[in-house]
Structure formats: C-alpha cells, structure tokens
Protein backbone atom coordinates (compact mmCIF):
# COMPACT_ATOMS: atom_id res chain seq x y z
CA UNK A 1 -0.16 -0.28 0.04
CA UNK A 2 1.15 3.37 -0.87
CA UNK A 3 1.70 6.01 1.77
CA UNK A 4 -0.71 8.93 2.10
CA UNK A 5 -0.23 12.10 2.13
CA UNK A 6 -1.25 14.54 4.98
CA UNK A 7 1.11 17.31 4.15
CA UNK A 8 -0.28 18.72 1.06
CA UNK A 9 -4.07 18.83 1.08
CA UNK A 10 -5.48 20.84 -1.08
CA UNK A 11 -7.61 24.03 -0.85
CA UNK A 12 -10.62 22.38 -2.20
CA UNK A 13 -10.34 19.02 -0.13
CA UNK A 14 -10.04 21.20 2.52
CA UNK A 15 -13.39 22.76 2.14
CA UNK A 16 -15.42 20.27 0.79
CA UNK A 17 -14.12 18.09 3.94
CA UNK A 18 -15.66 21.20 5.97
CA UNK A 19 -18.71 21.20 3.95
CA UNK A 20 -19.66 17.43 4.96
CA UNK A 21 -18.41 17.74 8.44
CA UNK A 22 -21.22 20.79 8.63
CA UNK A 23 -23.96 19.32 6.49
CA UNK A 24 -23.59 16.46 9.39
CA UNK A 25 -23.16 18.77 12.53
CA UNK A 26 -26.74 20.17 10.80
CA UNK A 27 -28.51 16.83 10.36
CA UNK A 28 -27.46 15.47 13.58
CA UNK A 29 -28.37 18.51 15.58
CA UNK A 30 -32.24 17.95 13.14
CA UNK A 31 -32.60 14.22 14.32
CA UNK A 32 -32.15 15.37 17.69
CA UNK A 33 -34.69 18.44 17.30
CA UNK A 34 -37.28 16.27 15.75
CA UNK A 35 -36.96 13.69 18.42
CA UNK A 36 -37.02 16.22 21.11
CA UNK A 37 -40.17 17.90 19.73
CA UNK A 38 -42.04 14.56 19.29
CA UNK A 39 -41.28 13.96 22.78
CA UNK A 40 -42.85 17.38 24.08
CA UNK A 41 -45.61 17.16 21.71
CA UNK A 42 -46.60 13.66 23.09
CA UNK A 43 -46.57 15.05 26.58
CA UNK A 44 -48.48 18.28 26.34
CA UNK A 45 -51.04 15.29 24.54
CA UNK A 46 -50.70 13.87 28.02
CA UNK A 47 -51.17 16.56 29.67
CA UNK A 48 -54.69 18.13 28.00
CA UNK A 49 -55.79 14.12 28.30
CA UNK A 50 -55.34 14.23 32.02
CA UNK A 51 -56.42 18.05 32.27
CA UNK A 52 -59.78 17.20 30.55
CA UNK A 53 -60.54 13.74 32.22
CA UNK A 54 -60.10 16.01 35.46
CA UNK A 55 -62.32 18.60 34.55
CA UNK A 56 -64.59 16.77 32.74
CA UNK A 57 -68.24 17.82 33.39
CA UNK A 58 -71.17 15.91 34.46
CA UNK A 59 -74.44 16.38 34.02
CA UNK A 60 -77.20 15.84 36.03
CA UNK A 61 -79.40 12.81 34.61
CA UNK A 62 -82.79 15.48 35.16
CA UNK A 63 -81.50 18.08 33.16
CA UNK A 64 -83.28 18.62 30.10
CA UNK A 65 -82.64 21.86 27.50
CA UNK A 66 -85.40 24.30 27.42
CA UNK A 67 -86.83 23.54 23.60
CA UNK A 68 -88.65 25.52 21.11
CA UNK A 69 -91.57 23.83 19.23
CA UNK A 70 -92.28 25.27 15.59
CA UNK A 71 -95.51 23.93 13.99
CA UNK A 72 -96.56 24.74 10.20
CA UNK A 73 -99.98 24.81 10.23
CA UNK A 74 -101.27 26.07 6.70
CA UNK A 75 -104.80 25.03 5.92
CA UNK A 76 -104.81 23.07 9.43
CA UNK A 77 -108.10 24.44 11.17
CA UNK A 78 -109.19 20.77 11.24
CA UNK A 79 -106.77 19.12 12.98
CA UNK A 80 -104.68 21.85 14.30
CA UNK A 81 -106.29 21.01 17.92
CA UNK A 82 -105.36 17.69 17.98
CA UNK A 83 -101.67 18.30 17.24
CA UNK A 84 -101.09 21.35 19.96
CA UNK A 85 -102.55 18.20 22.23
CA UNK A 86 -100.17 15.67 21.19
CA UNK A 87 -97.17 18.10 21.60
CA UNK A 88 -98.73 19.18 25.42
CA UNK A 89 -99.01 15.47 26.15
CA UNK A 90 -95.18 14.14 25.50
CA UNK A 91 -93.19 13.22 28.18
CA UNK A 92 -90.64 15.63 27.94
CA UNK A 93 -89.11 17.10 31.23
CA UNK A 94 -87.61 20.53 29.91
CA UNK A 95 -89.42 23.80 29.62
CA UNK A 96 -90.88 23.63 26.07
CA UNK A 97 -91.76 26.88 24.86
CA UNK A 98 -93.63 28.24 21.09
CA UNK A 99 -93.06 30.52 18.47
CA UNK A 100 -96.21 32.30 16.48
CA UNK A 101 -95.69 33.45 13.14
CA UNK A 102 -98.10 36.43 12.42
C-alpha cells in the first residue's frame, strides 16, 4: 500500500471536508430537534388528556334543555287542536316554548 499524503492537502479537499462536517452536524441537530419536539408533543397531549379527564363536566340526569316548538299550520283548521294536544302530552321534562308567526 502506498502511503497517504497528509502534508500537501489542497484547499478544495479542506473545503469539501468542512462542508461535509457542517452538513453532518446540521443533520444530527435536526434529528435531535425532531426527537425532542416529538417527545414534547406527546407529553403535551398526555397533559391535555389528563386535564380534560380531571375537569370533565358531569350533567345531572334530570336536566333537560329548554326547547322551542315550531308547528307549520297552513290550512290545518280541522287537525290543529289534536296536533297541539299531542305536543303538550309529550313526556319531555324540560321547558317547552313556542313561537307564533303572524
């Protein structure tokens, strides 16, 4: 094997080697940054899930939101009374409002 020259390296060889070292350092930094960022995203997601479960609202079972009832009644003179009776006979426990269009 012939011996390698270590004394007479050219400027292009030095610039090329420095470029590859800089590129390798940047690549290593980006990999480390990606791993740290992924870990932080996972940690944040777990914290949000924990907080959401801790402060979860519980609804009472007997709560019913108020509703409004709209009845389209064009030429309904014969059946409107029975329609209103069936609406009022519902088993809904919340407040029932109505709106009359004039």
